[in-house]
Amino acid sequence: MLRQMLLSKIHRATITSCDPNYNGSISIDKDLLDLSGMHEFERVEIFNISNAERFSTYVIEGKAGSGEIGINGAAALINKPGDKVIIVNYGLLYDEEIKTHKPIIVLVDEKNRPKQK
């Protein structure tokens, strides 16, 4: 049986920009994508901690080291720069894979730089 499981999470990222005129997506700093294992054009869920809004979209790779977390398209109307968000992706795993699976959790500071564990 396949079960949908958390693959990775970028926790408490700060939105740096919102552009309602862009064709929907979320721009994420390439370094954060690499750390989390998320991929460009992959579906993600975004949970806004600041206003309780939730939405899904796809990833666009942002400039490495920029700290960019940009909300684009219609979702830009329900978010604003400075809001805190959690970004997650899920995958389908077999029961046997679940036994050893550990999701990747990336904690970031107020400038979207990875925190040291």
PDB file of N, CA and C in Angstrom:
ATOM      1  N   MET A   1       0.833  -1.176   0.000  1.00  0.00           N
ATOM      2  CA  MET A   1       0.000   0.000   0.000  1.00  0.00           C
ATOM      3  C   MET A   1       0.883   1.247   0.000  1.00  0.00           C
ATOM      4  N   LEU A   2       0.493   2.238  -0.753  1.00  0.00           N
ATOM      5  CA  LEU A   2       1.186   3.520  -0.746  1.00  0.00           C
ATOM      6  C   LEU A   2       0.485   4.470   0.218  1.00  0.00           C
ATOM      7  N   ARG A   3       1.287   5.202   0.974  1.00  0.00           N
ATOM      8  CA  ARG A   3       0.753   6.205   1.898  1.00  0.00           C
ATOM      9  C   ARG A   3       1.443   7.539   1.609  1.00  0.00           C
ATOM     10  N   GLN A   4       0.674   8.607   1.728  1.00  0.00           N
ATOM     11  CA  GLN A   4       1.243   9.928   1.493  1.00  0.00           C
ATOM     12  C   GLN A   4       1.924  10.396   2.779  1.00  0.00           C
ATOM     13  N   MET A   5       3.222  10.678   2.670  1.00  0.00           N
ATOM     14  CA  MET A   5       4.029  11.030   3.841  1.00  0.00           C
ATOM     15  C   MET A   5       4.779  12.336   3.599  1.00  0.00           C
ATOM     16  N   LEU A   6       5.093  13.027   4.685  1.00  0.00           N
ATOM     17  CA  LEU A   6       5.899  14.236   4.609  1.00  0.00           C
ATOM     18  C   LEU A   6       7.299  13.885   4.122  1.00  0.00           C
ATOM     19  N   LEU A   7       7.749  14.553   3.071  1.00  0.00           N
ATOM     20  CA  LEU A   7       9.124  14.381   2.597  1.00  0.00           C
ATOM     21  C   LEU A   7      10.037  15.416   3.227  1.00  0.00           C
ATOM     22  N   SER A   8       9.602  16.691   3.187  1.00  0.00           N
ATOM     23  CA  SER A   8      10.440  17.739   3.760  1.00  0.00           C
ATOM     24  C   SER A   8       9.616  18.958   4.115  1.00  0.00           C
ATOM     25  N   LYS A   9      10.249  19.820   4.925  1.00  0.00           N
ATOM     26  CA  LYS A   9       9.577  21.022   5.399  1.00  0.00           C
ATOM     27  C   LYS A   9      10.607  22.126   5.581  1.00  0.00           C
ATOM     28  N   ILE A  10      10.257  23.327   5.128  1.00  0.00           N
ATOM     29  CA  ILE A  10      11.023  24.536   5.454  1.00  0.00           C
ATOM     30  C   ILE A  10      10.168  25.260   6.486  1.00  0.00           C
ATOM     31  N   HIS A  11      10.674  25.382   7.706  1.00  0.00           N
ATOM     32  CA  HIS A  11       9.873  25.817   8.848  1.00  0.00           C
ATOM     33  C   HIS A  11      10.146  27.263   9.240  1.00  0.00           C
ATOM     34  N   ARG A  12       9.056  28.059   9.295  1.00  0.00           N
ATOM     35  CA  ARG A  12       9.065  29.455   9.740  1.00  0.00           C
ATOM     36  C   ARG A  12       9.876  30.368   8.824  1.00  0.00           C
ATOM     37  N   ALA A  13       9.745  30.143   7.521  1.00  0.00           N
ATOM     38  CA  ALA A  13      10.373  31.041   6.554  1.00  0.00           C
ATOM     39  C   ALA A  13       9.615  32.363   6.539  1.00  0.00           C
ATOM     40  N   THR A  14      10.303  33.429   6.162  1.00  0.00           N
ATOM     41  CA  THR A  14       9.701  34.752   6.087  1.00  0.00           C
ATOM     42  C   THR A  14       9.466  35.112   4.627  1.00  0.00           C
ATOM     43  N   ILE A  15       8.236  35.489   4.291  1.00  0.00           N
ATOM     44  CA  ILE A  15       7.934  35.918   2.925  1.00  0.00           C
ATOM     45  C   ILE A  15       8.686  37.208   2.637  1.00  0.00           C
ATOM     46  N   THR A  16       9.413  37.225   1.526  1.00  0.00           N
ATOM     47  CA  THR A  16      10.204  38.403   1.154  1.00  0.00           C
ATOM     48  C   THR A  16       9.524  39.258   0.088  1.00  0.00           C
ATOM     49  N   SER A  17       8.610  38.673  -0.683  1.00  0.00           N
ATOM     50  CA  SER A  17       7.917  39.442  -1.724  1.00  0.00           C
ATOM     51  C   SER A  17       6.620  38.758  -2.096  1.00  0.00           C
ATOM     52  N   CYS A  18       5.699  39.562  -2.636  1.00  0.00           N
ATOM     53  CA  CYS A  18       4.417  39.064  -3.148  1.00  0.00           C
ATOM     54  C   CYS A  18       4.141  39.769  -4.467  1.00  0.00           C
ATOM     55  N   ASP A  19       3.862  38.992  -5.525  1.00  0.00           N
ATOM     56  CA  ASP A  19       3.613  39.561  -6.850  1.00  0.00           C
ATOM     57  C   ASP A  19       2.351  38.945  -7.443  1.00  0.00           C
ATOM     58  N   PRO A  20       1.210  39.640  -7.312  1.00  0.00           N
ATOM     59  CA  PRO A  20      -0.037  39.077  -7.831  1.00  0.00           C
ATOM     60  C   PRO A  20      -0.103  39.019  -9.350  1.00  0.00           C
ATOM     61  N   ASN A  21       0.786  39.725 -10.043  1.00  0.00           N
ATOM     62  CA  ASN A  21       0.758  39.764 -11.507  1.00  0.00           C
ATOM     63  C   ASN A  21       1.571  38.649 -12.156  1.00  0.00           C
ATOM     64  N   TYR A  22       2.198  37.807 -11.340  1.00  0.00           N
ATOM     65  CA  TYR A  22       3.003  36.701 -11.856  1.00  0.00           C
ATOM     66  C   TYR A  22       2.115  35.472 -11.976  1.00  0.00           C
ATOM     67  N   ASN A  23       2.385  34.623 -12.937  1.00  0.00           N
ATOM     68  CA  ASN A  23       1.631  33.364 -13.072  1.00  0.00           C
ATOM     69  C   ASN A  23       1.986  32.428 -11.932  1.00  0.00           C
ATOM     70  N   GLY A  24       1.140  32.320 -10.960  1.00  0.00           N
ATOM     71  CA  GLY A  24       1.264  31.561  -9.723  1.00  0.00           C
ATOM     72  C   GLY A  24       2.450  30.666  -9.484  1.00  0.00           C
ATOM     73  N   SER A  25       2.949  30.686  -8.264  1.00  0.00           N
ATOM     74  CA  SER A  25       4.039  29.832  -7.823  1.00  0.00           C
ATOM     75  C   SER A  25       4.605  30.391  -6.524  1.00  0.00           C
ATOM     76  N   ILE A  26       5.619  29.710  -6.001  1.00  0.00           N
ATOM     77  CA  ILE A  26       6.401  30.232  -4.891  1.00  0.00           C
ATOM     78  C   ILE A  26       7.863  30.153  -5.303  1.00  0.00           C
ATOM     79  N   SER A  27       8.573  31.257  -5.198  1.00  0.00           N
ATOM     80  CA  SER A  27      10.011  31.299  -5.485  1.00  0.00           C
ATOM     81  C   SER A  27      10.746  31.030  -4.187  1.00  0.00           C
ATOM     82  N   ILE A  28      11.649  30.054  -4.223  1.00  0.00           N
ATOM     83  CA  ILE A  28      12.387  29.658  -3.025  1.00  0.00           C
ATOM     84  C   ILE A  28      13.880  29.665  -3.345  1.00  0.00           C
ATOM     85  N   ASP A  29      14.659  30.292  -2.466  1.00  0.00           N
ATOM     86  CA  ASP A  29      16.123  30.315  -2.561  1.00  0.00           C
ATOM     87  C   ASP A  29      16.640  28.906  -2.912  1.00  0.00           C
ATOM     88  N   LYS A  30      17.480  28.821  -3.933  1.00  0.00           N
ATOM     89  CA  LYS A  30      18.023  27.531  -4.392  1.00  0.00           C
ATOM     90  C   LYS A  30      18.704  26.762  -3.262  1.00  0.00           C
ATOM     91  N   ASP A  31      19.407  27.474  -2.384  1.00  0.00           N
ATOM     92  CA  ASP A  31      20.086  26.791  -1.277  1.00  0.00           C
ATOM     93  C   ASP A  31      19.084  26.071  -0.369  1.00  0.00           C
ATOM     94  N   LEU A  32      17.936  26.696  -0.135  1.00  0.00           N
ATOM     95  CA  LEU A  32      16.912  26.049   0.694  1.00  0.00           C
ATOM     96  C   LEU A  32      16.297  24.857  -0.026  1.00  0.00           C
ATOM     97  N   LEU A  33      16.126  24.989  -1.341  1.00  0.00           N
ATOM     98  CA  LEU A  33      15.626  23.842  -2.115  1.00  0.00           C
ATOM     99  C   LEU A  33      16.592  22.668  -2.003  1.00  0.00           C
ATOM    100  N   ASP A  34      17.880  22.950  -2.164  1.00  0.00           N
ATOM    101  CA  ASP A  34      18.889  21.882  -2.093  1.00  0.00           C
ATOM    102  C   ASP A  34      18.887  21.214  -0.718  1.00  0.00           C
ATOM    103  N   LEU A  35      18.804  22.015   0.348  1.00  0.00           N
ATOM    104  CA  LEU A  35      18.802  21.460   1.705  1.00  0.00           C
ATOM    105  C   LEU A  35      17.557  20.616   1.977  1.00  0.00           C
ATOM    106  N   SER A  36      16.427  21.067   1.467  1.00  0.00           N
ATOM    107  CA  SER A  36      15.160  20.381   1.748  1.00  0.00           C
ATOM    108  C   SER A  36      14.899  19.198   0.826  1.00  0.00           C
ATOM    109  N   GLY A  37      15.565  19.179  -0.322  1.00  0.00           N
ATOM    110  CA  GLY A  37      15.294  18.139  -1.304  1.00  0.00           C
ATOM    111  C   GLY A  37      14.103  18.458  -2.195  1.00  0.00           C
ATOM    112  N   MET A  38      13.563  19.661  -2.069  1.00  0.00           N
ATOM    113  CA  MET A  38      12.457  20.070  -2.947  1.00  0.00           C
ATOM    114  C   MET A  38      13.006  20.393  -4.328  1.00  0.00           C
ATOM    115  N   HIS A  39      12.147  20.272  -5.340  1.00  0.00           N
ATOM    116  CA  HIS A  39      12.568  20.483  -6.722  1.00  0.00           C
ATOM    117  C   HIS A  39      11.717  21.551  -7.403  1.00  0.00           C
ATOM    118  N   GLU A  40      12.345  22.214  -8.367  1.00  0.00           N
ATOM    119  CA  GLU A  40      11.608  23.185  -9.162  1.00  0.00           C
ATOM    120  C   GLU A  40      10.431  22.483  -9.843  1.00  0.00           C
ATOM    121  N   PHE A  41       9.309  23.139  -9.863  1.00  0.00           N
ATOM    122  CA  PHE A  41       8.032  22.679 -10.441  1.00  0.00           C
ATOM    123  C   PHE A  41       7.323  21.618  -9.598  1.00  0.00           C
ATOM    124  N   GLU A  42       7.883  21.263  -8.445  1.00  0.00           N
ATOM    125  CA  GLU A  42       7.224  20.318  -7.547  1.00  0.00           C
ATOM    126  C   GLU A  42       6.073  21.013  -6.814  1.00  0.00           C
ATOM    127  N   ARG A  43       5.004  20.270  -6.573  1.00  0.00           N
ATOM    128  CA  ARG A  43       3.878  20.801  -5.800  1.00  0.00           C
ATOM    129  C   ARG A  43       4.268  20.911  -4.333  1.00  0.00           C
ATOM    130  N   VAL A  44       3.895  22.020  -3.718  1.00  0.00           N
ATOM    131  CA  VAL A  44       4.117  22.233  -2.291  1.00  0.00           C
ATOM    132  C   VAL A  44       2.850  22.809  -1.668  1.00  0.00           C
ATOM    133  N   GLU A  45       2.737  22.616  -0.380  1.00  0.00           N
ATOM    134  CA  GLU A  45       1.670  23.220   0.416  1.00  0.00           C
ATOM    135  C   GLU A  45       2.320  24.304   1.262  1.00  0.00           C
ATOM    136  N   ILE A  46       1.636  25.445   1.393  1.00  0.00           N
ATOM    137  CA  ILE A  46       2.156  26.551   2.186  1.00  0.00           C
ATOM    138  C   ILE A  46       1.142  26.855   3.275  1.00  0.00           C
ATOM    139  N   PHE A  47       1.625  26.931   4.510  1.00  0.00           N
ATOM    140  CA  PHE A  47       0.793  27.250   5.666  1.00  0.00           C
ATOM    141  C   PHE A  47       1.292  28.572   6.226  1.00  0.00           C
ATOM    142  N   ASN A  48       0.465  29.602   6.164  1.00  0.00           N
ATOM    143  CA  ASN A  48       0.855  30.918   6.657  1.00  0.00           C
ATOM    144  C   ASN A  48       0.583  30.970   8.153  1.00  0.00           C
ATOM    145  N   ILE A  49       1.639  31.047   8.940  1.00  0.00           N
ATOM    146  CA  ILE A  49       1.532  31.083  10.398  1.00  0.00           C
ATOM    147  C   ILE A  49       0.947  32.418  10.857  1.00  0.00           C
ATOM    148  N   SER A  50       1.177  33.471  10.091  1.00  0.00           N
ATOM    149  CA  SER A  50       0.741  34.811  10.487  1.00  0.00           C
ATOM    150  C   SER A  50      -0.757  35.042  10.320  1.00  0.00           C
ATOM    151  N   ASN A  51      -1.384  34.390   9.331  1.00  0.00           N
ATOM    152  CA  ASN A  51      -2.807  34.659   9.105  1.00  0.00           C
ATOM    153  C   ASN A  51      -3.663  33.399   8.933  1.00  0.00           C
ATOM    154  N   ALA A  52      -3.078  32.228   9.100  1.00  0.00           N
ATOM    155  CA  ALA A  52      -3.770  30.933   9.035  1.00  0.00           C
ATOM    156  C   ALA A  52      -4.239  30.540   7.633  1.00  0.00           C
ATOM    157  N   GLU A  53      -3.827  31.254   6.590  1.00  0.00           N
ATOM    158  CA  GLU A  53      -4.172  30.862   5.216  1.00  0.00           C
ATOM    159  C   GLU A  53      -3.348  29.638   4.828  1.00  0.00           C
ATOM    160  N   ARG A  54      -3.932  28.791   3.975  1.00  0.00           N
ATOM    161  CA  ARG A  54      -3.257  27.604   3.451  1.00  0.00           C
ATOM    162  C   ARG A  54      -3.521  27.539   1.960  1.00  0.00           C
ATOM    163  N   PHE A  55      -2.491  27.161   1.194  1.00  0.00           N
ATOM    164  CA  PHE A  55      -2.683  27.014  -0.248  1.00  0.00           C
ATOM    165  C   PHE A  55      -1.598  26.110  -0.804  1.00  0.00           C
ATOM    166  N   SER A  56      -1.831  25.626  -2.019  1.00  0.00           N
ATOM    167  CA  SER A  56      -0.821  24.816  -2.693  1.00  0.00           C
ATOM    168  C   SER A  56      -0.451  25.497  -3.997  1.00  0.00           C
ATOM    169  N   THR A  57       0.774  25.243  -4.426  1.00  0.00           N
ATOM    170  CA  THR A  57       1.286  25.795  -5.679  1.00  0.00           C
ATOM    171  C   THR A  57       2.500  24.956  -6.075  1.00  0.00           C
ATOM    172  N   TYR A  58       3.298  25.482  -6.989  1.00  0.00           N
ATOM    173  CA  TYR A  58       4.515  24.778  -7.398  1.00  0.00           C
ATOM    174  C   TYR A  58       5.715  25.689  -7.182  1.00  0.00           C
ATOM    175  N   VAL A  59       6.887  25.071  -7.111  1.00  0.00           N
ATOM    176  CA  VAL A  59       8.130  25.768  -6.787  1.00  0.00           C
ATOM    177  C   VAL A  59       8.800  26.322  -8.035  1.00  0.00           C
ATOM    178  N   ILE A  60       9.315  27.530  -7.900  1.00  0.00           N
ATOM    179  CA  ILE A  60      10.240  28.111  -8.881  1.00  0.00           C
ATOM    180  C   ILE A  60      11.543  28.379  -8.130  1.00  0.00           C
ATOM    181  N   GLU A  61      12.643  28.010  -8.723  1.00  0.00           N
ATOM    182  CA  GLU A  61      13.951  28.187  -8.095  1.00  0.00           C
ATOM    183  C   GLU A  61      14.322  29.664  -8.036  1.00  0.00           C
ATOM    184  N   GLY A  62      14.651  30.138  -6.831  1.00  0.00           N
ATOM    185  CA  GLY A  62      15.141  31.493  -6.620  1.00  0.00           C
ATOM    186  C   GLY A  62      16.664  31.508  -6.591  1.00  0.00           C
ATOM    187  N   LYS A  63      17.213  32.691  -6.571  1.00  0.00           N
ATOM    188  CA  LYS A  63      18.671  32.861  -6.558  1.00  0.00           C
ATOM    189  C   LYS A  63      19.273  32.285  -5.273  1.00  0.00           C
ATOM    190  N   ALA A  64      20.341  31.495  -5.432  1.00  0.00           N
ATOM    191  CA  ALA A  64      21.035  30.900  -4.291  1.00  0.00           C
ATOM    192  C   ALA A  64      21.563  31.989  -3.364  1.00  0.00           C
ATOM    193  N   GLY A  65      21.364  31.791  -2.065  1.00  0.00           N
ATOM    194  CA  GLY A  65      21.876  32.723  -1.074  1.00  0.00           C
ATOM    195  C   GLY A  65      21.061  33.993  -0.899  1.00  0.00           C
ATOM    196  N   SER A  66      19.971  34.109  -1.638  1.00  0.00           N
ATOM    197  CA  SER A  66      19.172  35.336  -1.598  1.00  0.00           C
ATOM    198  C   SER A  66      18.210  35.391  -0.416  1.00  0.00           C
ATOM    199  N   GLY A  67      17.859  34.237   0.130  1.00  0.00           N
ATOM    200  CA  GLY A  67      16.847  34.185   1.181  1.00  0.00           C
ATOM    201  C   GLY A  67      15.446  34.387   0.649  1.00  0.00           C
ATOM    202  N   GLU A  68      15.297  34.310  -0.660  1.00  0.00           N
ATOM    203  CA  GLU A  68      14.014  34.589  -1.294  1.00  0.00           C
ATOM    204  C   GLU A  68      12.939  33.557  -0.952  1.00  0.00           C
ATOM    205  N   ILE A  69      11.803  34.067  -0.532  1.00  0.00           N
ATOM    206  CA  ILE A  69      10.557  33.309  -0.412  1.00  0.00           C
ATOM    207  C   ILE A  69       9.499  34.236  -1.007  1.00  0.00           C
ATOM    208  N   GLY A  70       9.214  34.060  -2.292  1.00  0.00           N
ATOM    209  CA  GLY A  70       8.314  34.961  -2.997  1.00  0.00           C
ATOM    210  C   GLY A  70       7.003  34.290  -3.349  1.00  0.00           C
ATOM    211  N   ILE A  71       5.916  34.893  -2.937  1.00  0.00           N
ATOM    212  CA  ILE A  71       4.592  34.364  -3.247  1.00  0.00           C
ATOM    213  C   ILE A  71       4.084  35.079  -4.490  1.00  0.00           C
ATOM    214  N   ASN A  72       3.711  34.308  -5.493  1.00  0.00           N
ATOM    215  CA  ASN A  72       3.319  34.862  -6.785  1.00  0.00           C
ATOM    216  C   ASN A  72       1.890  34.467  -7.136  1.00  0.00           C
ATOM    217  N   GLY A  73       1.280  35.217  -8.040  1.00  0.00           N
ATOM    218  CA  GLY A  73      -0.063  34.916  -8.505  1.00  0.00           C
ATOM    219  C   GLY A  73      -1.113  35.271  -7.473  1.00  0.00           C
ATOM    220  N   ALA A  74      -2.260  34.625  -7.575  1.00  0.00           N
ATOM    221  CA  ALA A  74      -3.410  34.948  -6.725  1.00  0.00           C
ATOM    222  C   ALA A  74      -3.087  34.845  -5.233  1.00  0.00           C
ATOM    223  N   ALA A  75      -2.235  33.907  -4.847  1.00  0.00           N
ATOM    224  CA  ALA A  75      -1.901  33.728  -3.428  1.00  0.00           C
ATOM    225  C   ALA A  75      -1.212  34.965  -2.847  1.00  0.00           C
ATOM    226  N   ALA A  76      -0.648  35.816  -3.711  1.00  0.00           N
ATOM    227  CA  ALA A  76      -0.023  37.055  -3.235  1.00  0.00           C
ATOM    228  C   ALA A  76      -1.043  37.989  -2.601  1.00  0.00           C
ATOM    229  N   LEU A  77      -2.320  37.789  -2.910  1.00  0.00           N
ATOM    230  CA  LEU A  77      -3.365  38.650  -2.359  1.00  0.00           C
ATOM    231  C   LEU A  77      -3.748  38.276  -0.929  1.00  0.00           C
ATOM    232  N   ILE A  78      -3.368  37.079  -0.477  1.00  0.00           N
ATOM    233  CA  ILE A  78      -3.706  36.641   0.880  1.00  0.00           C
ATOM    234  C   ILE A  78      -2.469  36.492   1.764  1.00  0.00           C
ATOM    235  N   ASN A  79      -1.333  36.958   1.287  1.00  0.00           N
ATOM    236  CA  ASN A  79      -0.071  36.909   2.017  1.00  0.00           C
ATOM    237  C   ASN A  79       0.596  38.269   1.891  1.00  0.00           C
ATOM    238  N   LYS A  80       1.594  38.524   2.745  1.00  0.00           N
ATOM    239  CA  LYS A  80       2.331  39.779   2.618  1.00  0.00           C
ATOM    240  C   LYS A  80       3.774  39.577   3.073  1.00  0.00           C
ATOM    241  N   PRO A  81       4.685  40.396   2.554  1.00  0.00           N
ATOM    242  CA  PRO A  81       6.072  40.308   3.016  1.00  0.00           C
ATOM    243  C   PRO A  81       6.137  40.443   4.543  1.00  0.00           C
ATOM    244  N   GLY A  82       6.957  39.609   5.139  1.00  0.00           N
ATOM    245  CA  GLY A  82       7.091  39.583   6.591  1.00  0.00           C
ATOM    246  C   GLY A  82       6.294  38.480   7.250  1.00  0.00           C
ATOM    247  N   ASP A  83       5.272  37.953   6.562  1.00  0.00           N
ATOM    248  CA  ASP A  83       4.520  36.820   7.105  1.00  0.00           C
ATOM    249  C   ASP A  83       5.433  35.614   7.244  1.00  0.00           C
ATOM    250  N   LYS A  84       5.170  34.817   8.274  1.00  0.00           N
ATOM    251  CA  LYS A  84       5.898  33.564   8.480  1.00  0.00           C
ATOM    252  C   LYS A  84       5.108  32.418   7.866  1.00  0.00           C
ATOM    253  N   VAL A  85       5.816  31.514   7.172  1.00  0.00           N
ATOM    254  CA  VAL A  85       5.171  30.386   6.519  1.00  0.00           C
ATOM    255  C   VAL A  85       5.924  29.081   6.768  1.00  0.00           C
ATOM    256  N   ILE A  86       5.192  27.996   6.620  1.00  0.00           N
ATOM    257  CA  ILE A  86       5.768  26.651   6.607  1.00  0.00           C
ATOM    258  C   ILE A  86       5.505  26.113   5.209  1.00  0.00           C
ATOM    259  N   ILE A  87       6.542  25.583   4.578  1.00  0.00           N
ATOM    260  CA  ILE A  87       6.448  25.046   3.215  1.00  0.00           C
ATOM    261  C   ILE A  87       6.723  23.553   3.298  1.00  0.00           C
ATOM    262  N   VAL A  88       5.789  22.734   2.805  1.00  0.00           N
ATOM    263  CA  VAL A  88       5.950  21.281   2.907  1.00  0.00           C
ATOM    264  C   VAL A  88       5.710  20.610   1.560  1.00  0.00           C
ATOM    265  N   ASN A  89       6.334  19.461   1.389  1.00  0.00           N
ATOM    266  CA  ASN A  89       6.034  18.593   0.247  1.00  0.00           C
ATOM    267  C   ASN A  89       5.832  17.173   0.764  1.00  0.00           C
ATOM    268  N   TYR A  90       5.063  16.425   0.009  1.00  0.00           N
ATOM    269  CA  TYR A  90       4.708  15.052   0.388  1.00  0.00           C
ATOM    270  C   TYR A  90       5.075  14.101  -0.741  1.00  0.00           C
ATOM    271  N   GLY A  91       5.215  12.847  -0.414  1.00  0.00           N
ATOM    272  CA  GLY A  91       5.461  11.823  -1.416  1.00  0.00           C
ATOM    273  C   GLY A  91       4.748  10.542  -1.034  1.00  0.00           C
ATOM    274  N   LEU A  92       4.624   9.654  -2.009  1.00  0.00           N
ATOM    275  CA  LEU A  92       3.983   8.364  -1.772  1.00  0.00           C
ATOM    276  C   LEU A  92       5.050   7.327  -1.449  1.00  0.00           C
ATOM    277  N   LEU A  93       4.895   6.678  -0.300  1.00  0.00           N
ATOM    278  CA  LEU A  93       5.853   5.670   0.146  1.00  0.00           C
ATOM    279  C   LEU A  93       5.129   4.357   0.434  1.00  0.00           C
ATOM    280  N   TYR A  94       5.823   3.266   0.162  1.00  0.00           N
ATOM    281  CA  TYR A  94       5.310   1.946   0.538  1.00  0.00           C
ATOM    282  C   TYR A  94       5.534   1.735   2.034  1.00  0.00           C
ATOM    283  N   ASP A  95       4.725   0.862   2.625  1.00  0.00           N
ATOM    284  CA  ASP A  95       4.831   0.586   4.057  1.00  0.00           C
ATOM    285  C   ASP A  95       6.256   0.237   4.467  1.00  0.00           C
ATOM    286  N   GLU A  96       6.957  -0.533   3.665  1.00  0.00           N
ATOM    287  CA  GLU A  96       8.346  -0.897   3.982  1.00  0.00           C
ATOM    288  C   GLU A  96       9.261   0.333   4.003  1.00  0.00           C
ATOM    289  N   GLU A  97       9.063   1.260   3.085  1.00  0.00           N
ATOM    290  CA  GLU A  97       9.876   2.495   3.037  1.00  0.00           C
ATOM    291  C   GLU A  97       9.609   3.383   4.253  1.00  0.00           C
ATOM    292  N   ILE A  98       8.382   3.367   4.724  1.00  0.00           N
ATOM    293  CA  ILE A  98       7.992   4.220   5.852  1.00  0.00           C
ATOM    294  C   ILE A  98       8.786   3.865   7.100  1.00  0.00           C
ATOM    295  N   LYS A  99       9.146   2.601   7.251  1.00  0.00           N
ATOM    296  CA  LYS A  99       9.857   2.143   8.446  1.00  0.00           C
ATOM    297  C   LYS A  99      11.188   2.857   8.652  1.00  0.00           C
ATOM    298  N   THR A 100      11.833   3.274   7.570  1.00  0.00           N
ATOM    299  CA  THR A 100      13.138   3.931   7.689  1.00  0.00           C
ATOM    300  C   THR A 100      13.122   5.390   7.224  1.00  0.00           C
ATOM    301  N   HIS A 101      11.976   5.843   6.756  1.00  0.00           N
ATOM    302  CA  HIS A 101      11.887   7.214   6.232  1.00  0.00           C
ATOM    303  C   HIS A 101      11.987   8.255   7.339  1.00  0.00           C
ATOM    304  N   LYS A 102      12.788   9.280   7.119  1.00  0.00           N
ATOM    305  CA  LYS A 102      12.899  10.429   8.008  1.00  0.00           C
ATOM    306  C   LYS A 102      12.745  11.681   7.160  1.00  0.00           C
ATOM    307  N   PRO A 103      11.716  12.483   7.395  1.00  0.00           N
ATOM    308  CA  PRO A 103      11.570  13.709   6.614  1.00  0.00           C
ATOM    309  C   PRO A 103      12.705  14.688   6.917  1.00  0.00           C
ATOM    310  N   ILE A 104      12.996  15.529   5.955  1.00  0.00           N
ATOM    311  CA  ILE A 104      14.016  16.563   6.112  1.00  0.00           C
ATOM    312  C   ILE A 104      13.326  17.818   6.626  1.00  0.00           C
ATOM    313  N   ILE A 105      13.799  18.334   7.752  1.00  0.00           N
ATOM    314  CA  ILE A 105      13.233  19.546   8.348  1.00  0.00           C
ATOM    315  C   ILE A 105      14.315  20.624   8.304  1.00  0.00           C
ATOM    316  N   VAL A 106      14.033  21.718   7.593  1.00  0.00           N
ATOM    317  CA  VAL A 106      14.969  22.836   7.495  1.00  0.00           C
ATOM    318  C   VAL A 106      14.406  23.991   8.316  1.00  0.00           C
ATOM    319  N   LEU A 107      15.091  24.317   9.394  1.00  0.00           N
ATOM    320  CA  LEU A 107      14.716  25.456  10.230  1.00  0.00           C
ATOM    321  C   LEU A 107      15.487  26.671   9.737  1.00  0.00           C
ATOM    322  N   VAL A 108      14.788  27.803   9.607  1.00  0.00           N
ATOM    323  CA  VAL A 108      15.449  29.007   9.107  1.00  0.00           C
ATOM    324  C   VAL A 108      15.294  30.154  10.099  1.00  0.00           C
ATOM    325  N   ASP A 109      16.215  31.133   9.992  1.00  0.00           N
ATOM    326  CA  ASP A 109      16.138  32.327  10.831  1.00  0.00           C
ATOM    327  C   ASP A 109      15.280  33.387  10.138  1.00  0.00           C
ATOM    328  N   GLU A 110      15.254  34.593  10.668  1.00  0.00           N
ATOM    329  CA  GLU A 110      14.407  35.657  10.132  1.00  0.00           C
ATOM    330  C   GLU A 110      14.812  36.130   8.743  1.00  0.00           C
ATOM    331  N   LYS A 111      16.033  35.779   8.307  1.00  0.00           N
ATOM    332  CA  LYS A 111      16.488  36.129   6.957  1.00  0.00           C
ATOM    333  C   LYS A 111      16.483  34.910   6.030  1.00  0.00           C
ATOM    334  N   ASN A 112      15.794  33.865   6.448  1.00  0.00           N
ATOM    335  CA  ASN A 112      15.672  32.616   5.678  1.00  0.00           C
ATOM    336  C   ASN A 112      17.003  31.916   5.451  1.00  0.00           C
ATOM    337  N   ARG A 113      17.900  32.074   6.411  1.00  0.00           N
ATOM    338  CA  ARG A 113      19.154  31.311   6.377  1.00  0.00           C
ATOM    339  C   ARG A 113      18.973  30.094   7.274  1.00  0.00           C
ATOM    340  N   PRO A 114      19.488  28.950   6.858  1.00  0.00           N
ATOM    341  CA  PRO A 114      19.350  27.745   7.677  1.00  0.00           C
ATOM    342  C   PRO A 114      19.975  27.943   9.046  1.00  0.00           C
ATOM    343  N   LYS A 115      19.251  27.491  10.083  1.00  0.00           N
ATOM    344  CA  LYS A 115      19.779  27.520  11.441  1.00  0.00           C
ATOM    345  C   LYS A 115      20.658  26.296  11.637  1.00  0.00           C
ATOM    346  N   GLN A 116      21.668  26.443  12.461  1.00  0.00           N
ATOM    347  CA  GLN A 116      22.494  25.306  12.825  1.00  0.00           C
ATOM    348  C   GLN A 116      21.755  24.478  13.864  1.00  0.00           C
ATOM    349  N   LYS A 117      21.804  23.153  13.725  1.00  0.00           N
ATOM    350  CA  LYS A 117      21.144  22.275  14.712  1.00  0.00           C
ATOM    351  C   LYS A 117      22.030  22.063  15.900  1.00  0.00           C
TER     352      LYS A 117
END
